[in-house]
Amino acid sequence: MLYYMFNKPQGCVTARRDAVHRTVMDYFPAELTDRLHPVGRLDKDTCGLLIITDDGDLDMKIMQPEKHISKTYFFYAVGSISDEKIQLLENGIPMANFTTKNAVFCFGKEYRIRSLEEFIPDEKHEKYMKNPEGPAFSATLTICEGKKHEIKRMLEAVGCKIFYLRRDRIGALSLDPSLKEGEYRQLTPNELKLLKT
């Protein structure tokens, strides 16, 4: 079995093939693309830790919501955070068709929007830079589900808007900080053990 840690860049889709967009598999050599597949998915505009493997059972073992494997995301968001908002994020927010499960929020730092300009996507640049002195902040959020757009929807529910999102951790496995976006490497035996236990 082959197991790779991939630092997914923004702008590519988590799929084996796509008629329109570049996929995560386009970063791998041709001799591996038919054999490997991504475990779980990250949105097109989300970067960070993605596992690529030929182990067909791994998806079921670590990515299914009922397994409650934690995933930690780092983000920058427009808006301001308060103790009340953090309590909502951590204790569960009612959504249209579900209520989020308990989460762990760790505040990072306060910013002005202008100081994070390099992280703002092109399509949102004009909108956010209309108010360059507006509040923004960084934080991490650890969840145990992984519903579609869950992190973004949770922050929107407390009046904040994420514009940069990166997955840093799956369970006990952390993204290698030396791995640049678009780069990959095989998991070490110890990392594989962390992932599977």
C-alpha atoms as a PDB file:
ATOM      1  CA  MET A   1       0.000   0.000   0.000  1.00  0.00           C
ATOM      2  CA  LEU A   2       1.092   3.566  -0.738  1.00  0.00           C
ATOM      3  CA  TYR A   3       0.348   6.514   1.544  1.00  0.00           C
ATOM      4  CA  TYR A   4       1.251  10.103   0.663  1.00  0.00           C
ATOM      5  CA  MET A   5       0.915  13.374   2.541  1.00  0.00           C
ATOM      6  CA  PHE A   6      -0.023  16.096   0.039  1.00  0.00           C
ATOM      7  CA  ASN A   7      -0.117  19.830   0.734  1.00  0.00           C
ATOM      8  CA  LYS A   8      -3.066  20.748  -1.451  1.00  0.00           C
ATOM      9  CA  PRO A   9      -2.877  24.197  -3.030  1.00  0.00           C
ATOM     10  CA  GLN A  10      -5.868  26.455  -3.564  1.00  0.00           C
ATOM     11  CA  GLY A  11      -7.476  26.332  -6.999  1.00  0.00           C
ATOM     12  CA  CYS A  12      -7.454  22.590  -7.642  1.00  0.00           C
ATOM     13  CA  VAL A  13     -10.306  20.178  -6.981  1.00  0.00           C
ATOM     14  CA  THR A  14     -10.174  17.035  -4.856  1.00  0.00           C
ATOM     15  CA  ALA A  15     -10.944  14.515  -7.555  1.00  0.00           C
ATOM     16  CA  ARG A  16      -9.140  11.981  -9.698  1.00  0.00           C
ATOM     17  CA  ARG A  17     -10.321  13.614 -12.934  1.00  0.00           C
ATOM     18  CA  ASP A  18     -12.133  16.793 -13.895  1.00  0.00           C
ATOM     19  CA  ALA A  19     -12.978  18.093 -17.358  1.00  0.00           C
ATOM     20  CA  VAL A  20     -12.576  21.745 -16.364  1.00  0.00           C
ATOM     21  CA  HIS A  21     -10.320  22.171 -13.330  1.00  0.00           C
ATOM     22  CA  ARG A  22      -6.877  20.975 -12.341  1.00  0.00           C
ATOM     23  CA  THR A  23      -7.153  18.136  -9.832  1.00  0.00           C
ATOM     24  CA  VAL A  24      -5.005  17.060  -6.897  1.00  0.00           C
ATOM     25  CA  MET A  25      -3.956  14.003  -8.920  1.00  0.00           C
ATOM     26  CA  ASP A  26      -2.440  16.230 -11.613  1.00  0.00           C
ATOM     27  CA  TYR A  27       0.426  16.874  -9.179  1.00  0.00           C
ATOM     28  CA  PHE A  28       1.393  13.181  -9.215  1.00  0.00           C
ATOM     29  CA  PRO A  29       3.268  11.300 -11.959  1.00  0.00           C
ATOM     30  CA  ALA A  30       1.183   9.478 -14.560  1.00  0.00           C
ATOM     31  CA  GLU A  31       2.231   6.041 -13.313  1.00  0.00           C
ATOM     32  CA  LEU A  32       0.567   6.782  -9.946  1.00  0.00           C
ATOM     33  CA  THR A  33      -2.571   8.686 -10.940  1.00  0.00           C
ATOM     34  CA  ASP A  34      -4.586   5.613 -11.935  1.00  0.00           C
ATOM     35  CA  ARG A  35      -3.583   3.772  -8.795  1.00  0.00           C
ATOM     36  CA  LEU A  36      -4.060   6.469  -6.135  1.00  0.00           C
ATOM     37  CA  HIS A  37      -7.055   8.428  -4.863  1.00  0.00           C
ATOM     38  CA  PRO A  38      -7.588  11.270  -2.359  1.00  0.00           C
ATOM     39  CA  VAL A  39      -9.017  10.401   1.058  1.00  0.00           C
ATOM     40  CA  GLY A  40     -11.928  12.713   1.828  1.00  0.00           C
ATOM     41  CA  ARG A  41     -12.008  16.101   0.175  1.00  0.00           C
ATOM     42  CA  LEU A  42     -11.061  19.727   0.523  1.00  0.00           C
ATOM     43  CA  ASP A  43     -12.915  22.526  -1.267  1.00  0.00           C
ATOM     44  CA  LYS A  44     -11.312  24.054  -4.335  1.00  0.00           C
ATOM     45  CA  ASP A  45     -10.325  27.195  -2.414  1.00  0.00           C
ATOM     46  CA  THR A  46      -9.117  25.287   0.691  1.00  0.00           C
ATOM     47  CA  CYS A  47      -5.485  24.213   1.014  1.00  0.00           C
ATOM     48  CA  GLY A  48      -3.565  21.959   3.346  1.00  0.00           C
ATOM     49  CA  LEU A  49      -3.329  18.361   4.493  1.00  0.00           C
ATOM     50  CA  LEU A  50      -4.732  15.720   2.170  1.00  0.00           C
ATOM     51  CA  ILE A  51      -3.941  12.003   2.199  1.00  0.00           C
ATOM     52  CA  ILE A  52      -3.447  10.298  -1.176  1.00  0.00           C
ATOM     53  CA  THR A  53      -3.395   6.501  -1.163  1.00  0.00           C
ATOM     54  CA  ASP A  54      -4.299   3.229  -2.847  1.00  0.00           C
ATOM     55  CA  ASP A  55      -5.819   1.906   0.418  1.00  0.00           C
ATOM     56  CA  GLY A  56      -9.509   1.621  -0.390  1.00  0.00           C
ATOM     57  CA  ASP A  57     -10.528   1.189   3.245  1.00  0.00           C
ATOM     58  CA  LEU A  58      -8.856   4.323   4.580  1.00  0.00           C
ATOM     59  CA  ASP A  59     -11.762   6.607   3.630  1.00  0.00           C
ATOM     60  CA  MET A  60     -14.128   4.560   5.749  1.00  0.00           C
ATOM     61  CA  LYS A  61     -11.674   4.406   8.649  1.00  0.00           C
ATOM     62  CA  ILE A  62     -10.865   8.079   9.063  1.00  0.00           C
ATOM     63  CA  MET A  63     -13.091  10.396   7.030  1.00  0.00           C
ATOM     64  CA  GLN A  64     -16.640   9.271   7.766  1.00  0.00           C
ATOM     65  CA  PRO A  65     -18.460  11.701  10.131  1.00  0.00           C
ATOM     66  CA  GLU A  66     -19.633   8.885  12.410  1.00  0.00           C
ATOM     67  CA  LYS A  67     -15.982   7.984  13.142  1.00  0.00           C
ATOM     68  CA  HIS A  68     -15.537  11.363  14.913  1.00  0.00           C
ATOM     69  CA  ILE A  69     -11.905  11.748  13.817  1.00  0.00           C
ATOM     70  CA  SER A  70     -10.866  15.334  14.555  1.00  0.00           C
ATOM     71  CA  LYS A  71      -9.732  17.706  11.803  1.00  0.00           C
ATOM     72  CA  THR A  72      -8.040  21.006  12.637  1.00  0.00           C
ATOM     73  CA  TYR A  73      -8.245  24.012  10.315  1.00  0.00           C
ATOM     74  CA  PHE A  74      -6.382  27.313  10.380  1.00  0.00           C
ATOM     75  CA  PHE A  75      -8.159  30.329   8.906  1.00  0.00           C
ATOM     76  CA  TYR A  76      -8.240  34.064   8.375  1.00  0.00           C
ATOM     77  CA  ALA A  77     -11.669  35.680   8.607  1.00  0.00           C
ATOM     78  CA  VAL A  78     -13.198  39.109   8.202  1.00  0.00           C
ATOM     79  CA  GLY A  79     -15.102  40.241  11.282  1.00  0.00           C
ATOM     80  CA  SER A  80     -14.539  40.149  15.003  1.00  0.00           C
ATOM     81  CA  ILE A  81     -14.848  37.349  17.520  1.00  0.00           C
ATOM     82  CA  SER A  82     -16.205  37.441  21.077  1.00  0.00           C
ATOM     83  CA  ASP A  83     -16.580  35.039  23.990  1.00  0.00           C
ATOM     84  CA  GLU A  84     -20.250  34.602  23.110  1.00  0.00           C
ATOM     85  CA  LYS A  85     -19.424  33.699  19.509  1.00  0.00           C
ATOM     86  CA  ILE A  86     -16.703  31.277  20.609  1.00  0.00           C
ATOM     87  CA  GLN A  87     -19.160  29.589  22.950  1.00  0.00           C
ATOM     88  CA  LEU A  88     -21.597  29.126  20.071  1.00  0.00           C
ATOM     89  CA  LEU A  89     -18.879  27.686  17.821  1.00  0.00           C
ATOM     90  CA  GLU A  90     -17.711  25.271  20.499  1.00  0.00           C
ATOM     91  CA  ASN A  91     -21.115  24.124  21.756  1.00  0.00           C
ATOM     92  CA  GLY A  92     -22.981  23.641  18.480  1.00  0.00           C
ATOM     93  CA  ILE A  93     -24.720  25.871  15.964  1.00  0.00           C
ATOM     94  CA  PRO A  94     -28.093  24.947  14.429  1.00  0.00           C
ATOM     95  CA  MET A  95     -27.803  24.801  10.632  1.00  0.00           C
ATOM     96  CA  ALA A  96     -30.499  24.271   8.023  1.00  0.00           C
ATOM     97  CA  ASN A  97     -30.510  20.479   8.331  1.00  0.00           C
ATOM     98  CA  PHE A  98     -28.223  19.672  11.282  1.00  0.00           C
ATOM     99  CA  THR A  99     -26.615  21.101  14.417  1.00  0.00           C
ATOM    100  CA  THR A 100     -22.840  21.172  14.529  1.00  0.00           C
ATOM    101  CA  LYS A 101     -21.162  18.985  17.127  1.00  0.00           C
ATOM    102  CA  ASN A 102     -18.800  20.259  19.821  1.00  0.00           C
ATOM    103  CA  ALA A 103     -15.692  21.963  18.457  1.00  0.00           C
ATOM    104  CA  VAL A 104     -12.500  23.497  19.835  1.00  0.00           C
ATOM    105  CA  PHE A 105     -11.751  27.123  18.934  1.00  0.00           C
ATOM    106  CA  CYS A 106      -8.282  28.641  19.452  1.00  0.00           C
ATOM    107  CA  PHE A 107      -7.970  32.367  18.810  1.00  0.00           C
ATOM    108  CA  GLY A 108      -4.841  33.489  16.980  1.00  0.00           C
ATOM    109  CA  LYS A 109      -4.451  37.208  16.426  1.00  0.00           C
ATOM    110  CA  GLU A 110      -6.382  40.350  15.469  1.00  0.00           C
ATOM    111  CA  TYR A 111      -5.598  42.104  12.191  1.00  0.00           C
ATOM    112  CA  ARG A 112      -6.745  44.855   9.859  1.00  0.00           C
ATOM    113  CA  ILE A 113      -7.976  43.526   6.538  1.00  0.00           C
ATOM    114  CA  ARG A 114      -5.244  45.384   4.622  1.00  0.00           C
ATOM    115  CA  SER A 115      -2.501  43.463   6.437  1.00  0.00           C
ATOM    116  CA  LEU A 116      -3.901  40.161   5.101  1.00  0.00           C
ATOM    117  CA  GLU A 117      -4.332  41.344   1.509  1.00  0.00           C
ATOM    118  CA  GLU A 118      -2.008  38.649   0.128  1.00  0.00           C
ATOM    119  CA  PHE A 119      -4.359  35.930   1.419  1.00  0.00           C
ATOM    120  CA  ILE A 120      -7.542  37.399  -0.057  1.00  0.00           C
ATOM    121  CA  PRO A 121      -8.647  35.532  -3.214  1.00  0.00           C
ATOM    122  CA  ASP A 122      -8.781  37.592  -6.409  1.00  0.00           C
ATOM    123  CA  GLU A 123     -12.562  37.277  -6.711  1.00  0.00           C
ATOM    124  CA  LYS A 124     -13.059  38.706  -3.190  1.00  0.00           C
ATOM    125  CA  HIS A 125     -10.271  41.275  -3.286  1.00  0.00           C
ATOM    126  CA  GLU A 126     -12.303  44.281  -4.445  1.00  0.00           C
ATOM    127  CA  LYS A 127     -15.119  43.594  -1.973  1.00  0.00           C
ATOM    128  CA  TYR A 128     -12.901  43.225   1.113  1.00  0.00           C
ATOM    129  CA  MET A 129     -10.458  46.000   0.251  1.00  0.00           C
ATOM    130  CA  LYS A 130     -13.297  48.544   0.188  1.00  0.00           C
ATOM    131  CA  ASN A 131     -12.825  48.563   3.958  1.00  0.00           C
ATOM    132  CA  PRO A 132      -9.060  47.982   4.428  1.00  0.00           C
ATOM    133  CA  GLU A 133      -9.148  49.071   8.083  1.00  0.00           C
ATOM    134  CA  GLY A 134     -11.958  46.645   8.919  1.00  0.00           C
ATOM    135  CA  PRO A 135     -11.401  43.932  11.535  1.00  0.00           C
ATOM    136  CA  ALA A 136     -10.047  40.484  10.727  1.00  0.00           C
ATOM    137  CA  PHE A 137      -8.512  37.684  12.758  1.00  0.00           C
ATOM    138  CA  SER A 138      -6.794  34.309  12.624  1.00  0.00           C
ATOM    139  CA  ALA A 139      -7.792  31.200  14.548  1.00  0.00           C
ATOM    140  CA  THR A 140      -7.946  27.426  14.411  1.00  0.00           C
ATOM    141  CA  LEU A 141     -11.081  25.340  14.701  1.00  0.00           C
ATOM    142  CA  THR A 142     -11.100  21.610  15.391  1.00  0.00           C
ATOM    143  CA  ILE A 143     -14.195  19.671  14.369  1.00  0.00           C
ATOM    144  CA  CYS A 144     -15.103  15.980  14.371  1.00  0.00           C
ATOM    145  CA  GLU A 145     -17.526  15.896  11.460  1.00  0.00           C
ATOM    146  CA  GLY A 146     -16.637  17.452   8.123  1.00  0.00           C
ATOM    147  CA  LYS A 147     -19.994  18.333   6.570  1.00  0.00           C
ATOM    148  CA  LYS A 148     -19.857  20.282   3.315  1.00  0.00           C
ATOM    149  CA  HIS A 149     -18.435  23.806   3.875  1.00  0.00           C
ATOM    150  CA  GLU A 150     -18.938  23.260   7.615  1.00  0.00           C
ATOM    151  CA  ILE A 151     -16.158  25.548   8.904  1.00  0.00           C
ATOM    152  CA  LYS A 152     -17.181  28.395   6.586  1.00  0.00           C
ATOM    153  CA  ARG A 153     -20.849  27.988   7.488  1.00  0.00           C
ATOM    154  CA  MET A 154     -20.085  27.937  11.222  1.00  0.00           C
ATOM    155  CA  LEU A 155     -18.185  31.228  11.013  1.00  0.00           C
ATOM    156  CA  GLU A 156     -20.875  32.805   8.837  1.00  0.00           C
ATOM    157  CA  ALA A 157     -23.407  31.856  11.513  1.00  0.00           C
ATOM    158  CA  VAL A 158     -21.556  34.102  13.994  1.00  0.00           C
ATOM    159  CA  GLY A 159     -21.162  36.979  11.530  1.00  0.00           C
ATOM    160  CA  CYS A 160     -17.644  36.294  10.236  1.00  0.00           C
ATOM    161  CA  LYS A 161     -16.456  35.430   6.742  1.00  0.00           C
ATOM    162  CA  ILE A 162     -13.503  33.102   6.095  1.00  0.00           C
ATOM    163  CA  PHE A 163     -11.313  34.040   3.134  1.00  0.00           C
ATOM    164  CA  TYR A 164      -8.356  31.692   3.731  1.00  0.00           C
ATOM    165  CA  LEU A 165      -8.740  28.119   5.012  1.00  0.00           C
ATOM    166  CA  ARG A 166      -6.076  25.457   5.517  1.00  0.00           C
ATOM    167  CA  ARG A 167      -6.383  21.983   7.038  1.00  0.00           C
ATOM    168  CA  ASP A 168      -3.427  21.406   9.347  1.00  0.00           C
ATOM    169  CA  ARG A 169      -4.308  18.148  11.074  1.00  0.00           C
ATOM    170  CA  ILE A 170      -6.280  14.902  10.744  1.00  0.00           C
ATOM    171  CA  GLY A 171      -6.506  13.092  14.066  1.00  0.00           C
ATOM    172  CA  ALA A 172      -2.962  13.038  15.457  1.00  0.00           C
ATOM    173  CA  LEU A 173      -1.327  13.545  12.032  1.00  0.00           C
ATOM    174  CA  SER A 174      -0.092  17.080  11.302  1.00  0.00           C
ATOM    175  CA  LEU A 175       0.827  18.661   7.992  1.00  0.00           C
ATOM    176  CA  ASP A 176       4.606  18.725   7.553  1.00  0.00           C
ATOM    177  CA  PRO A 177       5.528  22.457   7.691  1.00  0.00           C
ATOM    178  CA  SER A 178       8.435  21.876   5.287  1.00  0.00           C
ATOM    179  CA  LEU A 179       6.047  20.626   2.587  1.00  0.00           C
ATOM    180  CA  LYS A 180       5.236  23.492   0.215  1.00  0.00           C
ATOM    181  CA  GLU A 181       1.853  23.784  -1.482  1.00  0.00           C
ATOM    182  CA  GLY A 182       1.670  21.301  -4.356  1.00  0.00           C
ATOM    183  CA  GLU A 183       4.355  19.058  -2.834  1.00  0.00           C
ATOM    184  CA  TYR A 184       3.903  15.542  -1.482  1.00  0.00           C
ATOM    185  CA  ARG A 185       5.881  12.818   0.212  1.00  0.00           C
ATOM    186  CA  GLN A 186       5.279   9.325   1.523  1.00  0.00           C
ATOM    187  CA  LEU A 187       4.072   8.990   5.103  1.00  0.00           C
ATOM    188  CA  THR A 188       6.620   7.644   7.558  1.00  0.00           C
ATOM    189  CA  PRO A 189       5.700   4.436   9.432  1.00  0.00           C
ATOM    190  CA  ASN A 190       5.093   6.505  12.566  1.00  0.00           C
ATOM    191  CA  GLU A 191       2.826   8.963  10.705  1.00  0.00           C
ATOM    192  CA  LEU A 192       0.853   6.082   9.249  1.00  0.00           C
ATOM    193  CA  LYS A 193       0.416   4.679  12.734  1.00  0.00           C
ATOM    194  CA  LEU A 194      -0.812   8.108  13.953  1.00  0.00           C
ATOM    195  CA  LEU A 195      -3.282   8.248  11.074  1.00  0.00           C
ATOM    196  CA  LYS A 196      -4.675   4.774  11.621  1.00  0.00           C
ATOM    197  CA  THR A 197      -4.932   4.897  15.424  1.00  0.00           C
END
